[in-house]
């Protein structure tokens, strides 16, 4: 059974698109930005809330597009080995294409 992923008012999302048992990825607009961004969390750690967290409260880390591109391209390069971790393939491809289109 998968853990419950945090849902914050300032970073709402449809569903996570990648979870490998430790790392979670999702795509959504953060606060008042004009574009989507990739959010990431580690679901393991010294506390039940994983990382990042502030005073024990769940948080999502907004990943810079350049880093998000490296992460998603790495997953894409090993689709055969990592496909079982992709929870929503359409959302994964949308996120990957987004990182490819944004000029850094």
N, C-alpha and C. Protein backbone atom coordinates (compact mmCIF):
# COMPACT_ATOMS: atom_id res chain seq x y z
N UNK A 1 0.83 -1.18 0.00
CA UNK A 1 0.00 0.00 0.00
C UNK A 1 0.88 1.25 0.00
N UNK A 2 0.53 2.20 -0.86
CA UNK A 2 1.31 3.43 -0.95
C UNK A 2 0.94 4.38 0.18
N UNK A 3 1.91 5.18 0.61
CA UNK A 3 1.62 6.16 1.65
C UNK A 3 0.70 7.26 1.12
N UNK A 4 0.14 8.01 2.04
CA UNK A 4 -0.66 9.16 1.65
C UNK A 4 0.29 10.32 1.40
N UNK A 5 0.17 10.92 0.24
CA UNK A 5 1.05 12.02 -0.11
C UNK A 5 0.42 13.34 0.33
N UNK A 6 1.24 14.27 0.82
CA UNK A 6 0.70 15.52 1.34
C UNK A 6 0.03 16.36 0.25
N UNK A 7 -1.05 16.99 0.62
CA UNK A 7 -1.76 17.91 -0.28
C UNK A 7 -1.81 19.27 0.42
N UNK A 8 -1.08 20.21 -0.14
CA UNK A 8 -0.98 21.54 0.44
C UNK A 8 -1.80 22.54 -0.37
N UNK A 9 -2.36 23.51 0.29
CA UNK A 9 -3.18 24.50 -0.40
C UNK A 9 -2.40 25.33 -1.41
N UNK A 10 -1.12 25.61 -1.13
CA UNK A 10 -0.35 26.45 -2.04
C UNK A 10 0.33 25.66 -3.16
N UNK A 11 0.14 24.35 -3.20
CA UNK A 11 0.75 23.53 -4.25
C UNK A 11 -0.17 22.35 -4.56
N UNK A 12 -1.42 22.63 -4.98
CA UNK A 12 -2.37 21.55 -5.26
C UNK A 12 -1.99 20.78 -6.52
N UNK A 13 -2.28 19.52 -6.56
CA UNK A 13 -1.96 18.70 -7.73
C UNK A 13 -3.02 17.62 -7.89
N UNK A 14 -3.07 17.07 -9.12
CA UNK A 14 -4.05 16.03 -9.42
C UNK A 14 -3.64 14.73 -8.73
N UNK A 15 -2.54 14.17 -9.14
CA UNK A 15 -1.99 12.94 -8.56
C UNK A 15 -0.48 12.94 -8.76
N UNK A 16 0.22 12.16 -7.95
CA UNK A 16 1.65 11.99 -8.20
C UNK A 16 1.79 11.16 -9.47
N UNK A 17 2.85 11.41 -10.24
CA UNK A 17 3.03 10.61 -11.46
C UNK A 17 4.19 9.63 -11.33
N UNK A 18 4.98 9.74 -10.25
CA UNK A 18 6.11 8.83 -10.07
C UNK A 18 6.31 8.57 -8.58
N UNK A 19 6.48 7.30 -8.23
CA UNK A 19 6.80 6.94 -6.85
C UNK A 19 7.56 5.63 -6.88
N UNK A 20 8.79 5.64 -6.37
CA UNK A 20 9.61 4.43 -6.39
C UNK A 20 9.77 3.80 -5.01
N UNK A 21 8.94 4.21 -4.08
CA UNK A 21 9.05 3.72 -2.71
C UNK A 21 9.75 4.70 -1.80
N UNK A 22 10.49 5.63 -2.39
CA UNK A 22 11.19 6.65 -1.62
C UNK A 22 10.94 8.05 -2.16
N UNK A 23 11.07 8.21 -3.46
CA UNK A 23 10.95 9.52 -4.10
C UNK A 23 9.60 9.65 -4.79
N UNK A 24 8.97 10.80 -4.61
CA UNK A 24 7.67 11.09 -5.21
C UNK A 24 7.82 12.34 -6.08
N UNK A 25 7.22 12.29 -7.28
CA UNK A 25 7.22 13.45 -8.18
C UNK A 25 5.80 13.78 -8.59
N UNK A 26 5.52 15.07 -8.73
CA UNK A 26 4.23 15.54 -9.23
C UNK A 26 4.45 16.83 -10.00
N UNK A 27 3.42 17.24 -10.75
CA UNK A 27 3.50 18.46 -11.56
C UNK A 27 2.29 19.33 -11.26
N UNK A 28 2.56 20.60 -10.99
CA UNK A 28 1.46 21.52 -10.72
C UNK A 28 1.98 22.94 -10.64
N UNK A 29 1.07 23.90 -10.65
CA UNK A 29 1.43 25.31 -10.49
C UNK A 29 1.68 25.58 -9.00
N UNK A 30 2.82 26.16 -8.69
CA UNK A 30 3.15 26.51 -7.31
C UNK A 30 2.74 27.95 -7.04
N UNK A 31 1.95 28.14 -6.02
CA UNK A 31 1.45 29.46 -5.61
C UNK A 31 0.88 30.20 -6.81
N UNK A 32 1.44 31.35 -7.13
CA UNK A 32 0.89 32.19 -8.20
C UNK A 32 1.77 32.21 -9.44
N UNK A 33 2.58 31.18 -9.64
CA UNK A 33 3.41 31.13 -10.85
C UNK A 33 2.52 31.04 -12.08
N UNK A 34 3.09 31.40 -13.22
CA UNK A 34 2.33 31.36 -14.47
C UNK A 34 2.52 30.04 -15.22
N UNK A 35 3.25 29.11 -14.62
CA UNK A 35 3.53 27.84 -15.30
C UNK A 35 3.61 26.70 -14.28
N UNK A 36 3.50 25.49 -14.79
CA UNK A 36 3.66 24.31 -13.93
C UNK A 36 5.11 24.15 -13.52
N UNK A 37 5.31 23.46 -12.44
CA UNK A 37 6.65 23.09 -11.99
C UNK A 37 6.59 21.68 -11.43
N UNK A 38 7.75 21.09 -11.24
CA UNK A 38 7.84 19.73 -10.69
C UNK A 38 8.05 19.84 -9.18
N UNK A 39 7.26 19.07 -8.44
CA UNK A 39 7.41 18.99 -7.00
C UNK A 39 7.99 17.62 -6.64
N UNK A 40 8.81 17.59 -5.60
CA UNK A 40 9.49 16.34 -5.23
C UNK A 40 9.52 16.22 -3.71
N UNK A 41 9.42 14.97 -3.23
CA UNK A 41 9.54 14.64 -1.81
C UNK A 41 10.27 13.32 -1.65
N UNK A 42 10.93 13.17 -0.53
CA UNK A 42 11.47 11.88 -0.11
C UNK A 42 10.53 11.38 0.98
N UNK A 43 10.01 10.20 0.81
CA UNK A 43 9.02 9.68 1.75
C UNK A 43 9.65 8.82 2.84
N UNK A 44 10.96 8.84 2.94
CA UNK A 44 11.66 8.11 3.98
C UNK A 44 12.51 9.10 4.76
N UNK A 45 12.90 8.73 5.94
CA UNK A 45 13.74 9.60 6.74
C UNK A 45 13.62 9.28 8.21
N UNK A 46 14.15 10.17 9.00
CA UNK A 46 14.14 9.98 10.44
C UNK A 46 12.75 10.18 11.04
N UNK A 47 11.89 10.89 10.33
CA UNK A 47 10.54 11.12 10.84
C UNK A 47 9.51 10.57 9.86
N UNK A 48 8.29 10.40 10.31
CA UNK A 48 7.22 9.88 9.45
C UNK A 48 6.86 10.85 8.34
N UNK A 49 7.16 12.12 8.53
CA UNK A 49 6.77 13.11 7.54
C UNK A 49 7.73 13.18 6.35
N UNK A 50 8.83 12.45 6.37
CA UNK A 50 9.76 12.47 5.25
C UNK A 50 10.39 13.85 5.09
N UNK A 51 10.91 14.11 3.90
CA UNK A 51 11.59 15.38 3.62
C UNK A 51 11.11 15.93 2.30
N UNK A 52 11.03 17.21 2.11
CA UNK A 52 11.24 18.20 3.17
C UNK A 52 10.03 18.31 4.08
N UNK A 53 10.31 18.80 5.28
CA UNK A 53 9.25 19.12 6.22
C UNK A 53 9.72 20.28 7.08
N UNK A 54 8.78 21.04 7.55
CA UNK A 54 9.09 22.16 8.43
C UNK A 54 8.30 21.97 9.71
N UNK A 55 9.03 21.80 10.81
CA UNK A 55 8.41 21.57 12.11
C UNK A 55 7.43 20.41 12.06
N UNK A 56 7.81 19.35 11.33
CA UNK A 56 7.00 18.15 11.26
C UNK A 56 5.84 18.21 10.28
N UNK A 57 5.74 19.30 9.53
CA UNK A 57 4.66 19.43 8.54
C UNK A 57 5.20 19.13 7.15
N UNK A 58 4.42 18.35 6.41
CA UNK A 58 4.80 17.96 5.06
C UNK A 58 5.00 19.17 4.17
N UNK A 59 5.98 19.09 3.29
CA UNK A 59 6.24 20.12 2.30
C UNK A 59 6.60 19.43 0.98
N UNK A 60 6.48 20.14 -0.11
CA UNK A 60 6.99 19.70 -1.40
C UNK A 60 8.14 20.62 -1.76
N UNK A 61 9.18 20.09 -2.35
CA UNK A 61 10.27 20.91 -2.85
C UNK A 61 9.98 21.21 -4.32
N UNK A 62 9.97 22.49 -4.69
CA UNK A 62 9.82 22.87 -6.08
C UNK A 62 11.19 22.69 -6.73
N UNK A 63 11.25 21.84 -7.74
CA UNK A 63 12.51 21.49 -8.39
C UNK A 63 12.76 22.46 -9.55
N UNK A 64 13.94 23.05 -9.59
CA UNK A 64 14.30 23.91 -10.72
C UNK A 64 14.17 23.12 -12.01
N UNK A 65 13.74 23.78 -13.08
CA UNK A 65 13.46 23.10 -14.33
C UNK A 65 14.67 22.32 -14.86
N UNK A 66 15.87 22.89 -14.75
CA UNK A 66 17.07 22.21 -15.25
C UNK A 66 17.27 20.88 -14.52
N UNK A 67 17.13 20.89 -13.20
CA UNK A 67 17.28 19.67 -12.42
C UNK A 67 16.14 18.70 -12.71
N UNK A 68 14.92 19.22 -12.81
CA UNK A 68 13.76 18.38 -13.15
C UNK A 68 13.98 17.69 -14.48
N UNK A 69 14.57 18.41 -15.43
CA UNK A 69 14.86 17.84 -16.74
C UNK A 69 15.81 16.65 -16.62
N UNK A 70 16.87 16.81 -15.84
CA UNK A 70 17.83 15.70 -15.65
C UNK A 70 17.15 14.49 -15.00
N UNK A 71 16.33 14.74 -14.00
CA UNK A 71 15.64 13.65 -13.30
C UNK A 71 14.70 12.91 -14.25
N UNK A 72 13.85 13.66 -14.95
CA UNK A 72 12.86 13.03 -15.83
C UNK A 72 13.50 12.37 -17.04
N UNK A 73 14.53 12.98 -17.60
CA UNK A 73 15.24 12.36 -18.73
C UNK A 73 15.91 11.06 -18.27
N UNK A 74 16.42 11.05 -17.04
CA UNK A 74 17.02 9.83 -16.50
C UNK A 74 16.00 8.71 -16.36
N UNK A 75 14.82 9.04 -15.87
CA UNK A 75 13.75 8.05 -15.77
C UNK A 75 13.36 7.57 -17.17
N UNK A 76 13.21 8.52 -18.10
CA UNK A 76 12.81 8.19 -19.46
C UNK A 76 13.83 7.28 -20.15
N UNK A 77 15.12 7.49 -19.85
CA UNK A 77 16.17 6.68 -20.48
C UNK A 77 16.15 5.23 -20.00
N UNK A 78 15.47 4.96 -18.89
CA UNK A 78 15.36 3.60 -18.38
C UNK A 78 13.89 3.23 -18.16
N UNK A 79 13.06 3.53 -19.16
CA UNK A 79 11.63 3.24 -19.03
C UNK A 79 11.34 1.78 -18.74
N UNK A 80 12.10 0.90 -19.36
CA UNK A 80 11.87 -0.53 -19.15
C UNK A 80 12.06 -0.90 -17.68
N UNK A 81 13.11 -0.38 -17.07
CA UNK A 81 13.39 -0.72 -15.68
C UNK A 81 12.56 0.04 -14.67
N UNK A 82 12.12 1.25 -15.03
CA UNK A 82 11.44 2.11 -14.06
C UNK A 82 9.95 2.29 -14.33
N UNK A 83 9.42 1.65 -15.35
CA UNK A 83 8.02 1.88 -15.73
C UNK A 83 7.03 1.53 -14.61
N UNK A 84 7.36 0.58 -13.77
CA UNK A 84 6.44 0.22 -12.68
C UNK A 84 6.32 1.33 -11.64
N UNK A 85 7.28 2.25 -11.63
CA UNK A 85 7.24 3.38 -10.69
C UNK A 85 6.42 4.55 -11.22
N UNK A 86 6.13 4.54 -12.51
CA UNK A 86 5.36 5.62 -13.12
C UNK A 86 3.88 5.33 -12.88
N UNK A 87 3.26 6.17 -12.08
CA UNK A 87 1.86 5.96 -11.67
C UNK A 87 0.88 6.53 -12.68
N UNK A 88 1.30 7.54 -13.42
CA UNK A 88 0.45 8.17 -14.44
C UNK A 88 1.35 8.52 -15.61
N UNK A 89 1.38 7.63 -16.62
CA UNK A 89 2.31 7.80 -17.73
C UNK A 89 2.03 9.08 -18.51
N UNK A 90 0.77 9.40 -18.71
CA UNK A 90 0.43 10.62 -19.45
C UNK A 90 0.94 11.86 -18.72
N UNK A 91 0.78 11.89 -17.42
CA UNK A 91 1.26 13.03 -16.62
C UNK A 91 2.79 13.07 -16.61
N UNK A 92 3.43 11.89 -16.57
CA UNK A 92 4.89 11.84 -16.65
C UNK A 92 5.38 12.44 -17.96
N UNK A 93 4.77 12.02 -19.08
CA UNK A 93 5.18 12.54 -20.39
C UNK A 93 4.89 14.03 -20.51
N UNK A 94 3.79 14.48 -19.93
CA UNK A 94 3.48 15.91 -19.92
C UNK A 94 4.56 16.69 -19.17
N UNK A 95 4.99 16.17 -18.03
CA UNK A 95 6.04 16.81 -17.24
C UNK A 95 7.36 16.80 -18.01
N UNK A 96 7.69 15.68 -18.63
CA UNK A 96 8.92 15.58 -19.40
C UNK A 96 8.91 16.58 -20.55
N UNK A 97 7.82 16.63 -21.29
CA UNK A 97 7.72 17.58 -22.41
C UNK A 97 7.79 19.02 -21.92
N UNK A 98 7.21 19.29 -20.77
CA UNK A 98 7.28 20.64 -20.20
C UNK A 98 8.73 21.04 -19.95
N UNK A 99 9.52 20.13 -19.37
CA UNK A 99 10.92 20.47 -19.08
C UNK A 99 11.72 20.62 -20.37
N UNK A 100 11.34 19.92 -21.41
CA UNK A 100 12.03 20.03 -22.69
C UNK A 100 11.72 21.35 -23.39
N UNK A 101 10.52 21.88 -23.16
CA UNK A 101 10.08 23.10 -23.85
C UNK A 101 10.53 24.38 -23.16
N UNK A 102 10.69 24.35 -21.85
CA UNK A 102 11.05 25.57 -21.11
C UNK A 102 12.53 25.87 -21.34
N UNK A 103 12.79 27.09 -21.76
CA UNK A 103 14.17 27.53 -21.96
C UNK A 103 14.73 27.97 -20.61
N UNK A 104 15.92 27.47 -20.30
CA UNK A 104 16.54 27.79 -19.01
C UNK A 104 17.49 28.94 -19.16
